[in-house]
């Protein structure tokens, strides 16, 4: 079972998942989260900031993965690659833990941001008139 499937199979005590309506994707909010992580820095950010940004990006990535992309886009090798990379990055076994170095956690967060950006671009292309 993928992380997205595990996430979707979870239950919300107040609202059942099958009843909960998802809000539309806010590309600007996702882009802002990506920009915060990929901004040029001279040092590694504090670990709590890394973890917070990683969690936010993971949520955005899962939301993008749940989108229903047209068949033509799903057959695109770039889209398939973005899906594969995001599913791999979201795998709980690869996520940084408390014993992971700050640099490794920061690198993971940047990789997640770049992969999320690739799928965000596909979403934007789909939304373009």
Protein backbone atom coordinates (compact mmCIF):
# COMPACT_ATOMS: atom_id res chain seq x y z
CA UNK A 1 0.00 0.00 0.00
CA UNK A 2 1.40 3.41 -0.94
CA UNK A 3 1.63 6.31 1.48
CA UNK A 4 -1.18 8.08 -0.36
CA UNK A 5 -3.42 5.03 -0.04
CA UNK A 6 -2.56 4.76 3.66
CA UNK A 7 -3.29 8.44 4.11
CA UNK A 8 -6.60 8.16 2.28
CA UNK A 9 -7.62 5.03 4.18
CA UNK A 10 -7.21 6.79 7.54
CA UNK A 11 -10.30 7.89 9.37
CA UNK A 12 -11.27 11.26 10.66
CA UNK A 13 -13.42 10.94 13.76
CA UNK A 14 -15.44 14.06 12.98
CA UNK A 15 -15.94 13.51 9.24
CA UNK A 16 -15.68 10.28 7.27
CA UNK A 17 -13.04 10.47 4.47
CA UNK A 18 -15.56 9.55 1.78
CA UNK A 19 -17.76 12.49 2.80
CA UNK A 20 -15.00 15.06 3.32
CA UNK A 21 -14.75 17.40 0.32
CA UNK A 22 -11.29 18.45 -0.72
CA UNK A 23 -10.61 22.06 -1.37
CA UNK A 24 -9.25 23.00 -4.79
CA UNK A 25 -5.50 23.01 -5.12
CA UNK A 26 -4.01 26.41 -4.36
CA UNK A 27 -1.00 26.54 -6.66
CA UNK A 28 0.24 29.81 -5.16
CA UNK A 29 0.34 28.36 -1.64
CA UNK A 30 2.18 25.28 -2.86
CA UNK A 31 4.63 27.44 -4.83
CA UNK A 32 5.30 29.55 -1.74
CA UNK A 33 6.08 26.42 0.30
CA UNK A 34 8.41 25.20 -2.45
CA UNK A 35 10.14 28.58 -2.68
CA UNK A 36 10.75 28.67 1.07
CA UNK A 37 12.56 25.33 0.95
CA UNK A 38 14.51 25.88 -2.26
CA UNK A 39 15.64 29.44 -1.48
CA UNK A 40 19.41 29.87 -1.59
CA UNK A 41 20.89 29.65 1.89
CA UNK A 42 24.38 29.81 3.31
CA UNK A 43 23.52 27.48 6.16
CA UNK A 44 21.20 24.64 7.07
CA UNK A 45 17.96 25.91 8.63
CA UNK A 46 16.98 24.90 12.18
CA UNK A 47 15.67 21.36 12.41
CA UNK A 48 12.19 22.38 13.57
CA UNK A 49 11.84 24.56 10.45
CA UNK A 50 13.05 21.70 8.24
CA UNK A 51 10.53 19.30 9.77
CA UNK A 52 7.69 21.84 9.52
CA UNK A 53 8.44 22.55 5.83
CA UNK A 54 8.81 18.84 5.09
CA UNK A 55 5.41 18.07 6.61
CA UNK A 56 3.80 20.92 4.69
CA UNK A 57 5.36 19.82 1.40
CA UNK A 58 4.36 16.20 2.00
CA UNK A 59 0.76 17.31 2.47
CA UNK A 60 0.86 19.32 -0.76
CA UNK A 61 2.50 16.43 -2.63
CA UNK A 62 -0.14 13.95 -1.46
CA UNK A 63 -2.87 16.36 -2.54
CA UNK A 64 -1.32 16.70 -6.01
CA UNK A 65 -1.00 12.93 -6.27
CA UNK A 66 -4.71 12.54 -5.56
CA UNK A 67 -5.64 14.73 -8.53
CA UNK A 68 -7.33 13.00 -11.43
CA UNK A 69 -5.00 13.68 -14.36
CA UNK A 70 -6.29 13.04 -17.90
CA UNK A 71 -5.10 9.84 -19.53
CA UNK A 72 -2.85 11.71 -21.95
CA UNK A 73 -0.94 13.30 -19.10
CA UNK A 74 -0.65 10.05 -17.18
CA UNK A 75 1.08 8.47 -20.18
CA UNK A 76 3.64 11.29 -20.30
CA UNK A 77 7.03 10.03 -19.09
CA UNK A 78 7.65 13.24 -17.13
CA UNK A 79 4.39 12.80 -15.25
CA UNK A 80 5.14 9.14 -14.54
CA UNK A 81 8.58 10.10 -13.28
CA UNK A 82 7.15 12.81 -11.01
CA UNK A 83 4.64 10.31 -9.58
CA UNK A 84 7.31 7.66 -9.03
CA UNK A 85 9.72 10.08 -7.35
CA UNK A 86 7.03 11.53 -5.08
CA UNK A 87 5.73 8.11 -4.03
CA UNK A 88 9.28 7.07 -3.21
CA UNK A 89 10.00 10.24 -1.24
CA UNK A 90 6.74 9.90 0.69
CA UNK A 91 7.57 6.33 1.69
CA UNK A 92 7.75 6.40 5.49
CA UNK A 93 10.93 4.29 5.49
CA UNK A 94 12.81 7.06 3.65
CA UNK A 95 11.55 10.02 5.67
CA UNK A 96 14.07 11.63 8.01
CA UNK A 97 13.84 10.64 11.65
CA UNK A 98 15.00 12.35 14.83
CA UNK A 99 18.42 10.68 14.46
CA UNK A 100 18.86 11.83 10.86
CA UNK A 101 21.38 14.65 10.51
CA UNK A 102 20.00 18.14 9.92
CA UNK A 103 21.76 18.30 6.56
CA UNK A 104 20.24 15.01 5.39
CA UNK A 105 16.77 16.13 6.51
CA UNK A 106 17.25 19.45 4.69
CA UNK A 107 18.38 17.65 1.52
CA UNK A 108 15.33 15.39 1.73
CA UNK A 109 13.08 18.44 2.08
CA UNK A 110 14.67 20.10 -0.96
CA UNK A 111 14.26 16.91 -3.01
CA UNK A 112 10.60 16.73 -1.96
CA UNK A 113 10.16 20.39 -2.96
CA UNK A 114 11.67 19.80 -6.40
CA UNK A 115 9.53 16.71 -7.05
CA UNK A 116 6.40 18.51 -5.84
CA UNK A 117 7.25 21.41 -8.15
CA UNK A 118 7.38 19.04 -11.14
CA UNK A 119 3.86 17.77 -10.43
CA UNK A 120 2.64 21.30 -9.69
CA UNK A 121 3.79 22.28 -13.18
CA UNK A 122 1.70 19.45 -14.65
CA UNK A 123 -1.29 20.65 -12.61
CA UNK A 124 -0.81 24.21 -13.87
CA UNK A 125 -0.61 23.03 -17.49
CA UNK A 126 -3.86 21.17 -17.00
CA UNK A 127 -5.54 24.24 -15.53
CA UNK A 128 -4.34 26.61 -18.28
CA UNK A 129 -7.12 27.76 -20.63
